[in-house]
Amino acid sequence: MGKGFNNYMCKKFFHPASADNLKRVWIAQKKADTEKAKQDELRVQYDREQELYNNKALLSKESKERLELNFMYEPPPGVKKVGEEEKGEGEPEYKFEWQKTWGHAPKESYLAKGDEFN
């Protein structure tokens, strides 16, 4: 058990070398890093959208009129489509056990009375 000044001060809530304060600083830095990464990603997405709209604006007058209401028919930015994440996996997600083994719904001829197919 140390009895020095540093040992005494490190136990105070306001000291920068206390373990709790170091933990708070680390958590704040991680939160700031994730927020910065999120802002960068949103900025890149915004730039892509603006480039797309500027390219569409260069088209004829008819397409400009359609472009004015086009935002209503597009999903909001940041929304991922339902099938985007599942496409990379390759294997479809099964809801029931019998879908994995048989691949289709069981027929009555496969089952005798009282048999379970789960």
Protein backbone atom coordinates (compact mmCIF):
# COMPACT_ATOMS: atom_id res chain seq x y z
CA MET A 1 0.00 0.00 0.00
CA GLY A 2 1.63 3.20 -1.20
CA LYS A 3 1.33 6.30 0.86
CA GLY A 4 2.60 8.84 -1.65
CA PHE A 5 0.97 11.91 -3.07
CA ASN A 6 0.31 10.22 -6.44
CA ASN A 7 -1.50 7.33 -4.78
CA TYR A 8 -3.65 9.80 -2.87
CA MET A 9 -4.42 11.95 -5.92
CA CYS A 10 -5.18 9.04 -8.24
CA LYS A 11 -8.10 8.12 -6.02
CA LYS A 12 -9.73 11.55 -6.43
CA PHE A 13 -12.54 11.85 -8.97
CA PHE A 14 -11.02 14.93 -10.63
CA HIS A 15 -7.49 13.62 -11.16
CA PRO A 16 -6.68 12.93 -14.85
CA ALA A 17 -4.69 9.76 -14.05
CA SER A 18 -7.46 8.04 -12.09
CA ALA A 19 -8.73 4.82 -13.63
CA ASP A 20 -12.31 6.06 -13.89
CA ASN A 21 -11.26 9.22 -15.70
CA LEU A 22 -9.03 7.29 -18.10
CA LYS A 23 -11.96 4.99 -18.84
CA ARG A 24 -14.29 7.96 -19.45
CA VAL A 25 -11.75 9.57 -21.78
CA TRP A 26 -11.31 6.31 -23.71
CA ILE A 27 -15.08 5.86 -24.06
CA ALA A 28 -15.48 9.47 -25.21
CA GLN A 29 -12.73 9.03 -27.80
CA LYS A 30 -14.34 5.85 -29.16
CA LYS A 31 -17.72 7.58 -29.33
CA ALA A 32 -16.18 10.55 -31.15
CA ASP A 33 -14.40 8.23 -33.60
CA THR A 34 -17.61 6.34 -34.42
CA GLU A 35 -19.52 9.62 -34.81
CA LYS A 36 -16.82 10.97 -37.12
CA ALA A 37 -16.88 7.79 -39.20
CA LYS A 38 -20.67 8.00 -39.41
CA GLN A 39 -20.51 11.64 -40.50
CA ASP A 40 -17.89 10.81 -43.13
CA GLU A 41 -20.06 8.02 -44.50
CA LEU A 42 -23.10 10.31 -44.62
CA ARG A 43 -21.05 12.98 -46.37
CA VAL A 44 -19.87 10.52 -49.03
CA GLN A 45 -23.46 9.33 -49.51
CA TYR A 46 -24.67 12.93 -49.81
CA ASP A 47 -21.98 13.71 -52.38
CA ARG A 48 -23.01 10.67 -54.44
CA GLU A 49 -26.67 11.72 -54.31
CA GLN A 50 -25.83 15.28 -55.34
CA GLU A 51 -23.74 14.02 -58.23
CA LEU A 52 -26.61 11.80 -59.34
CA TYR A 53 -29.13 14.65 -59.17
CA ASN A 54 -26.77 17.02 -60.99
CA ASN A 55 -26.31 14.45 -63.75
CA LYS A 56 -30.07 13.98 -64.01
CA ALA A 57 -30.58 17.74 -64.09
CA LEU A 58 -28.52 17.95 -67.27
CA LEU A 59 -31.12 15.88 -69.08
CA SER A 60 -34.09 17.21 -71.04
CA LYS A 61 -36.98 19.23 -69.63
CA GLU A 62 -39.24 16.16 -69.42
CA SER A 63 -36.82 14.32 -67.20
CA LYS A 64 -36.41 17.41 -65.02
CA GLU A 65 -40.15 17.43 -64.34
CA ARG A 66 -40.08 13.75 -63.41
CA LEU A 67 -37.02 14.32 -61.25
CA GLU A 68 -38.87 16.87 -59.14
CA LEU A 69 -41.14 14.16 -57.73
CA ASN A 70 -38.68 11.31 -58.04
CA PHE A 71 -37.59 11.63 -54.40
CA MET A 72 -41.01 10.39 -53.29
CA TYR A 73 -40.51 7.06 -55.02
CA GLU A 74 -36.97 6.38 -53.82
CA PRO A 75 -36.23 4.98 -50.36
CA PRO A 76 -34.82 7.50 -47.89
CA PRO A 77 -31.03 7.66 -47.67
CA GLY A 78 -29.50 5.21 -45.26
CA VAL A 79 -32.21 2.58 -45.66
CA LYS A 80 -30.87 -0.77 -46.78
CA LYS A 81 -32.88 -3.04 -48.97
CA VAL A 82 -34.20 -6.26 -47.46
CA GLY A 83 -32.16 -8.61 -49.61
CA GLU A 84 -28.83 -6.72 -49.61
CA GLU A 85 -27.26 -8.39 -46.59
CA GLU A 86 -28.56 -11.85 -47.37
CA LYS A 87 -27.24 -11.91 -50.95
CA GLY A 88 -23.65 -12.33 -49.86
CA GLU A 89 -24.29 -15.38 -47.68
CA GLY A 90 -25.31 -17.72 -50.47
CA GLU A 91 -27.51 -20.02 -48.37
CA PRO A 92 -31.12 -18.91 -47.87
CA GLU A 93 -32.48 -18.50 -44.38
CA TYR A 94 -34.86 -21.29 -43.37
CA LYS A 95 -37.81 -20.74 -41.10
CA PHE A 96 -38.49 -24.38 -40.26
CA GLU A 97 -36.30 -27.42 -39.80
CA TRP A 98 -38.05 -29.43 -42.53
CA GLN A 99 -37.10 -26.78 -45.11
CA LYS A 100 -33.42 -27.56 -44.55
CA THR A 101 -33.83 -31.32 -45.01
CA TRP A 102 -36.53 -31.61 -47.66
CA GLY A 103 -36.38 -28.21 -49.33
CA HIS A 104 -40.15 -28.14 -49.84
CA ALA A 105 -43.27 -28.66 -47.78
CA PRO A 106 -43.86 -32.22 -46.58
CA LYS A 107 -46.70 -34.07 -48.20
CA GLU A 108 -49.23 -36.25 -46.45
CA SER A 109 -47.90 -39.33 -48.16
CA TYR A 110 -44.55 -38.92 -46.35
CA LEU A 111 -46.13 -38.93 -42.95
CA ALA A 112 -47.98 -41.63 -41.13
CA LYS A 113 -50.57 -40.69 -38.52
CA GLY A 114 -48.97 -39.06 -35.52
CA ASP A 115 -45.47 -38.61 -37.04
CA GLU A 116 -43.77 -35.31 -36.41
CA PHE A 117 -41.75 -33.65 -39.11
CA ASN A 118 -40.05 -30.80 -37.20
